[in-house]
Amino acid sequence: METFNHKLNAYIDTWMGPRDQRVRGWLLLPNYPPTFALTLMYLLIVWMGPKYMKHRQPYNCRGILVFYNLGLTLLSSYMFYELFVTMWRGGYNFYCQDTHSSEEADNKIIRVLWWYYFSKVIEFMDTIFFILKKNNHQITFLHIYHHASMPNIWWFVMNWVPCGHSYFGAGLNCFIHIVMYAYYGLSAVPAIRPYLWWKKYITQLQLIQFFCTMSQTLCAVRWPCSFPRGWLYFQISYMVTLIILFSNFYIQTYKKNVSLKKEHQNGVSSTNGHASRTPSMESHSQKKLRME
């Protein structure tokens, strides 16, 4: 196994260039296979889990969900605060920031971004809870794509560009997760659920996040520093995929829901040239979706 890791590392280093030595030896970062194996295990659970639960009763995960979501809310709050306060005090340039220009700030941001990378592994539990509760309609392509891709992307980020311009998108995502995991933690308590009104706006905030991250990355392309351009182009491309997928989810969930409600208020809907009663006002896409 050690020989395999050595050969794989040599191949990756040949392709990607020298690694950032400041993260040398950190948990999960020396070799790629552990992160890849965790992702494969996650995908296997996504495939096998619903089959296993098919003839079983859903689990009541209310207590652990409150604890889990509270924990991620607190972790996201810590990361958001540390990233932006460190950026501000460390004199980071908003338009483009190199990875080797502010030693104290860089080292602190590297430590926080490792937790950000590790949190993406923790968030595999989002899907596992869906499976245990038999909420299989929430396990969409968007959900799996986002959850499976993030730990792998951030393994590479942490090994090659673990600070500098990498802080901004992660910081914004932490803010979104404060709002999102707070919502889902509170929604696990039935008595509180009727008073939660901001679910719709979570997806809007996520889309704003992607546009802001892409815009800030474009600034680094327009006014470059020593931050590698290849990473900037990759981040822009990834943001485009998320904007497309999240926009489609938002349209399917909320915009079409408005049309269905109007049809329901009219009492009939047109089907193949004939009037018929609207059969149901709730589709799978209208149910809550937990994302990063």
Protein backbone atom coordinates (compact mmCIF):
# COMPACT_ATOMS: atom_id res chain seq x y z
CA MET A 1 0.00 0.00 0.00
CA GLU A 2 2.84 2.35 0.84
CA THR A 3 4.44 1.68 -2.55
CA PHE A 4 1.13 2.35 -4.29
CA ASN A 5 0.69 5.64 -2.41
CA HIS A 6 4.24 6.65 -3.28
CA LYS A 7 3.73 5.96 -6.98
CA LEU A 8 0.35 7.71 -7.00
CA ASN A 9 1.78 10.73 -5.19
CA ALA A 10 4.64 10.87 -7.68
CA TYR A 11 2.17 10.80 -10.58
CA ILE A 12 -0.07 13.49 -9.06
CA ASP A 13 2.92 15.69 -8.25
CA THR A 14 4.17 15.34 -11.81
CA TRP A 15 0.77 16.44 -13.06
CA MET A 16 0.03 19.15 -10.48
CA GLY A 17 3.50 20.40 -9.57
CA PRO A 18 5.14 20.74 -6.13
CA ARG A 19 2.85 20.54 -3.09
CA ASP A 20 2.58 23.14 -0.38
CA GLN A 21 4.88 21.86 2.36
CA ARG A 22 2.99 23.71 5.10
CA VAL A 23 0.36 20.93 5.19
CA ARG A 24 2.81 18.07 5.01
CA GLY A 25 1.70 15.18 7.26
CA TRP A 26 -1.72 16.64 8.12
CA LEU A 27 -4.59 14.18 8.64
CA LEU A 28 -5.91 12.75 5.32
CA LEU A 29 -3.72 15.07 3.21
CA PRO A 30 -0.52 13.08 2.52
CA ASN A 31 -2.23 10.58 0.20
CA TYR A 32 -5.29 10.87 -2.04
CA PRO A 33 -6.67 7.29 -1.70
CA PRO A 34 -8.28 7.82 1.78
CA THR A 35 -10.37 10.75 0.53
CA PHE A 36 -11.24 8.87 -2.66
CA ALA A 37 -12.11 5.73 -0.68
CA LEU A 38 -14.40 7.71 1.65
CA THR A 39 -16.15 9.10 -1.43
CA LEU A 40 -16.59 5.62 -2.92
CA MET A 41 -17.96 4.39 0.42
CA TYR A 42 -20.39 7.32 0.40
CA LEU A 43 -21.56 6.50 -3.14
CA LEU A 44 -21.93 2.82 -2.19
CA ILE A 45 -24.14 3.81 0.77
CA VAL A 46 -26.19 6.05 -1.54
CA TRP A 47 -26.73 3.08 -3.85
CA MET A 48 -27.23 0.31 -1.28
CA GLY A 49 -28.84 2.28 1.56
CA PRO A 50 -32.30 2.75 0.03
CA LYS A 51 -32.35 -0.93 -0.95
CA TYR A 52 -31.52 -1.92 2.64
CA MET A 53 -34.22 0.39 4.06
CA LYS A 54 -36.89 -0.53 1.50
CA HIS A 55 -38.75 -3.00 3.74
CA ARG A 56 -37.79 -1.40 7.05
CA GLN A 57 -39.40 1.33 9.09
CA PRO A 58 -37.71 4.75 8.95
CA TYR A 59 -35.59 5.66 11.94
CA ASN A 60 -36.49 8.53 14.23
CA CYS A 61 -33.32 10.62 14.09
CA ARG A 62 -34.75 13.74 15.73
CA GLY A 63 -32.41 13.88 18.72
CA ILE A 64 -29.21 13.20 16.81
CA LEU A 65 -30.27 15.57 14.01
CA VAL A 66 -30.58 18.45 16.46
CA PHE A 67 -27.10 17.67 17.81
CA TYR A 68 -25.62 17.12 14.33
CA ASN A 69 -27.00 20.33 12.86
CA LEU A 70 -26.08 22.36 15.93
CA GLY A 71 -22.53 21.03 15.71
CA LEU A 72 -22.20 21.99 12.03
CA THR A 73 -23.75 25.39 12.72
CA LEU A 74 -21.15 26.08 15.40
CA LEU A 75 -18.29 24.75 13.24
CA SER A 76 -19.43 26.88 10.30
CA SER A 77 -19.67 29.94 12.56
CA TYR A 78 -16.12 29.38 13.80
CA MET A 79 -14.74 28.96 10.27
CA PHE A 80 -16.61 31.98 8.90
CA TYR A 81 -15.39 34.23 11.70
CA GLU A 82 -11.79 33.05 11.56
CA LEU A 83 -11.50 33.25 7.78
CA PHE A 84 -12.79 36.78 7.35
CA VAL A 85 -11.26 38.25 10.51
CA THR A 86 -7.88 36.74 9.59
CA MET A 87 -8.23 38.00 6.02
CA TRP A 88 -9.02 41.50 7.28
CA ARG A 89 -6.29 41.67 9.92
CA GLY A 90 -3.77 39.96 7.68
CA GLY A 91 -4.17 42.53 4.93
CA TYR A 92 -5.45 40.12 2.30
CA ASN A 93 -6.18 41.68 -1.08
CA PHE A 94 -9.81 41.11 -2.12
CA TYR A 95 -9.04 41.11 -5.86
CA CYS A 96 -6.19 38.59 -5.81
CA GLN A 97 -4.19 37.09 -2.97
CA ASP A 98 -1.09 34.95 -3.32
CA THR A 99 -0.52 31.89 -1.10
CA HIS A 100 2.87 33.09 0.22
CA SER A 101 2.59 36.76 1.12
CA SER A 102 1.40 37.02 4.72
CA GLU A 103 2.93 34.23 6.80
CA GLU A 104 0.91 34.61 10.01
CA ALA A 105 -2.42 35.09 8.22
CA ASP A 106 -1.63 32.33 5.72
CA ASN A 107 -0.86 29.78 8.44
CA LYS A 108 -4.06 30.58 10.32
CA ILE A 109 -6.20 30.35 7.19
CA ILE A 110 -4.57 27.03 6.28
CA ARG A 111 -5.61 25.60 9.65
CA VAL A 112 -9.19 26.81 9.24
CA LEU A 113 -9.43 25.56 5.65
CA TRP A 114 -8.30 22.11 6.78
CA TRP A 115 -11.38 22.05 9.02
CA TYR A 116 -13.41 23.22 6.05
CA TYR A 117 -12.09 20.30 3.98
CA PHE A 118 -12.78 17.86 6.82
CA SER A 119 -16.30 19.25 7.28
CA LYS A 120 -17.09 18.10 3.74
CA VAL A 121 -16.41 14.54 4.86
CA ILE A 122 -18.63 15.04 7.91
CA GLU A 123 -21.41 16.29 5.64
CA PHE A 124 -21.70 12.86 4.04
CA MET A 125 -23.96 12.27 7.03
CA ASP A 126 -26.58 14.56 5.43
CA THR A 127 -27.33 11.83 2.91
CA ILE A 128 -27.09 9.00 5.41
CA PHE A 129 -29.78 10.65 7.53
CA PHE A 130 -31.99 10.95 4.45
CA ILE A 131 -31.59 7.21 3.86
CA LEU A 132 -32.29 6.29 7.49
CA LYS A 133 -35.44 8.45 7.46
CA LYS A 134 -36.40 7.04 4.03
CA ASN A 135 -36.45 10.52 2.49
CA ASN A 136 -35.02 9.11 -0.74
CA HIS A 137 -36.61 11.85 -2.87
CA GLN A 138 -34.08 14.26 -1.34
CA ILE A 139 -31.14 12.27 -2.69
CA THR A 140 -31.04 14.02 -6.05
CA PHE A 141 -28.26 14.23 -8.63
CA LEU A 142 -27.51 17.76 -7.40
CA HIS A 143 -27.23 16.56 -3.81
CA ILE A 144 -24.90 13.65 -4.65
CA TYR A 145 -22.79 15.64 -7.14
CA HIS A 146 -22.15 18.42 -4.66
CA HIS A 147 -21.47 16.20 -1.64
CA ALA A 148 -19.24 13.75 -3.53
CA SER A 149 -17.19 16.36 -5.38
CA MET A 150 -16.37 18.80 -2.56
CA PRO A 151 -14.04 16.64 -0.40
CA ASN A 152 -12.08 15.59 -3.48
CA ILE A 153 -11.74 19.12 -4.79
CA TRP A 154 -10.63 20.38 -1.39
CA TRP A 155 -8.06 17.62 -0.98
CA PHE A 156 -6.30 19.10 -4.01
CA VAL A 157 -6.86 22.67 -2.82
CA MET A 158 -5.33 21.91 0.57
CA ASN A 159 -2.26 20.32 -0.99
CA TRP A 160 -1.54 23.03 -3.56
CA VAL A 161 -3.34 26.30 -2.74
CA PRO A 162 -4.37 26.02 0.95
CA CYS A 163 -4.62 29.76 1.59
CA GLY A 164 -4.54 33.03 -0.34
CA HIS A 165 -7.38 33.42 -2.81
CA SER A 166 -8.90 30.10 -1.73
CA TYR A 167 -10.39 31.65 1.41
CA PHE A 168 -13.28 33.60 -0.15
CA GLY A 169 -15.55 30.88 -1.56
CA ALA A 170 -15.05 28.76 1.55
CA GLY A 171 -15.87 31.70 3.82
CA LEU A 172 -19.10 32.48 1.98
CA ASN A 173 -20.07 28.82 2.04
CA CYS A 174 -19.57 28.76 5.80
CA PHE A 175 -22.00 31.67 6.17
CA ILE A 176 -24.60 29.83 4.07
CA HIS A 177 -24.11 26.75 6.23
CA ILE A 178 -24.73 28.75 9.39
CA VAL A 179 -28.16 29.69 8.02
CA MET A 180 -28.86 26.27 6.50
CA TYR A 181 -27.83 23.99 9.35
CA ALA A 182 -29.51 26.28 11.89
CA TYR A 183 -32.71 25.92 9.86
CA TYR A 184 -32.50 22.13 9.67
CA GLY A 185 -31.55 21.81 13.31
CA LEU A 186 -34.57 23.86 14.36
CA SER A 187 -36.86 22.07 11.89
CA ALA A 188 -36.05 18.77 13.64
CA VAL A 189 -38.11 20.09 16.58
CA PRO A 190 -41.82 19.79 15.61
CA ALA A 191 -42.94 22.61 17.92
CA ILE A 192 -40.59 25.08 16.24
CA ARG A 193 -41.09 23.96 12.62
CA PRO A 194 -44.23 26.09 11.90
CA TYR A 195 -42.32 29.27 12.76
CA LEU A 196 -39.48 28.68 10.31
CA TRP A 197 -40.07 30.88 7.30
CA TRP A 198 -36.71 31.25 5.59
CA LYS A 199 -36.35 27.86 3.87
CA LYS A 200 -37.01 29.33 0.40
CA TYR A 201 -34.32 31.94 0.87
CA ILE A 202 -31.60 29.37 1.56
CA THR A 203 -31.46 28.42 -2.13
CA GLN A 204 -31.45 32.10 -3.08
CA LEU A 205 -28.51 32.69 -0.74
CA GLN A 206 -26.70 29.71 -2.24
CA LEU A 207 -27.09 31.13 -5.74
CA ILE A 208 -25.89 34.54 -4.57
CA GLN A 209 -22.92 32.78 -2.99
CA PHE A 210 -21.97 31.11 -6.28
CA PHE A 211 -22.26 34.35 -8.26
CA CYS A 212 -20.20 36.25 -5.67
CA THR A 213 -17.50 33.57 -5.61
CA MET A 214 -17.32 33.50 -9.40
CA SER A 215 -17.18 37.31 -9.58
CA GLN A 216 -14.39 37.49 -7.01
CA THR A 217 -12.48 34.78 -8.88
CA LEU A 218 -12.88 36.73 -12.12
CA CYS A 219 -11.26 39.69 -10.33
CA ALA A 220 -8.13 37.57 -9.86
CA VAL A 221 -8.16 36.76 -13.57
CA ARG A 222 -8.55 40.44 -14.48
CA TRP A 223 -6.04 41.75 -11.90
CA PRO A 224 -3.75 38.74 -11.40
CA CYS A 225 -1.22 38.08 -8.68
CA SER A 226 0.91 34.96 -8.19
CA PHE A 227 -2.10 32.77 -7.41
CA PRO A 228 -2.14 29.97 -10.06
CA ARG A 229 -4.53 30.79 -12.91
CA GLY A 230 -5.43 27.15 -13.46
CA TRP A 231 -7.13 27.05 -10.06
CA LEU A 232 -9.06 30.22 -10.89
CA TYR A 233 -10.37 28.77 -14.15
CA PHE A 234 -11.33 25.54 -12.42
CA GLN A 235 -13.24 27.38 -9.70
CA ILE A 236 -15.13 29.44 -12.25
CA SER A 237 -16.07 26.26 -14.14
CA TYR A 238 -17.25 24.53 -10.97
CA MET A 239 -19.32 27.57 -9.97
CA VAL A 240 -21.01 27.50 -13.38
CA THR A 241 -22.09 23.88 -12.84
CA LEU A 242 -23.51 24.74 -9.41
CA ILE A 243 -25.34 27.80 -10.71
CA ILE A 244 -26.99 25.70 -13.43
CA LEU A 245 -27.97 22.87 -11.08
CA PHE A 246 -29.17 25.07 -8.22
CA SER A 247 -31.09 27.34 -10.60
CA ASN A 248 -32.86 24.32 -12.02
CA PHE A 249 -33.69 23.12 -8.50
CA TYR A 250 -35.00 26.55 -7.53
CA ILE A 251 -37.21 26.77 -10.62
CA GLN A 252 -38.55 23.24 -10.16
CA THR A 253 -39.18 23.73 -6.45
CA TYR A 254 -40.44 27.27 -6.06
CA LYS A 255 -41.37 28.82 -9.40
CA LYS A 256 -43.42 25.83 -10.58
CA ASN A 257 -44.94 25.60 -7.11
CA VAL A 258 -46.37 29.11 -7.58
CA SER A 259 -47.99 28.04 -10.86
CA LEU A 260 -49.43 24.91 -9.26
CA LYS A 261 -50.90 26.95 -6.41
CA LYS A 262 -52.59 29.28 -8.90
CA GLU A 263 -54.05 26.30 -10.72
CA HIS A 264 -55.21 24.84 -7.42
CA GLN A 265 -56.91 28.11 -6.49
CA ASN A 266 -58.75 28.05 -9.81
CA GLY A 267 -59.94 24.56 -8.91
CA VAL A 268 -59.08 22.87 -12.20
CA SER A 269 -56.10 22.18 -14.42
CA SER A 270 -56.03 21.45 -18.10
CA THR A 271 -54.98 17.92 -19.03
CA ASN A 272 -54.75 16.94 -22.69
CA GLY A 273 -57.46 19.42 -23.63
CA HIS A 274 -59.81 18.45 -20.80
CA ALA A 275 -60.44 20.01 -17.40
CA SER A 276 -59.57 17.90 -14.38
CA ARG A 277 -59.04 18.40 -10.68
CA THR A 278 -55.46 19.08 -9.68
CA PRO A 279 -54.40 15.76 -8.13
CA SER A 280 -51.65 16.89 -5.79
CA MET A 281 -49.95 20.06 -4.82
CA GLU A 282 -46.76 18.50 -3.55
CA SER A 283 -44.07 16.85 -5.65
CA HIS A 284 -40.78 15.41 -4.56
CA SER A 285 -38.91 18.47 -5.78
CA GLN A 286 -41.01 20.59 -3.45
CA LYS A 287 -39.76 18.85 -0.36
CA LYS A 288 -36.86 20.27 1.57
CA LEU A 289 -33.39 19.68 0.17
CA ARG A 290 -30.35 19.96 2.38
CA MET A 291 -27.28 21.11 0.48
CA GLU A 292 -23.89 22.68 1.08
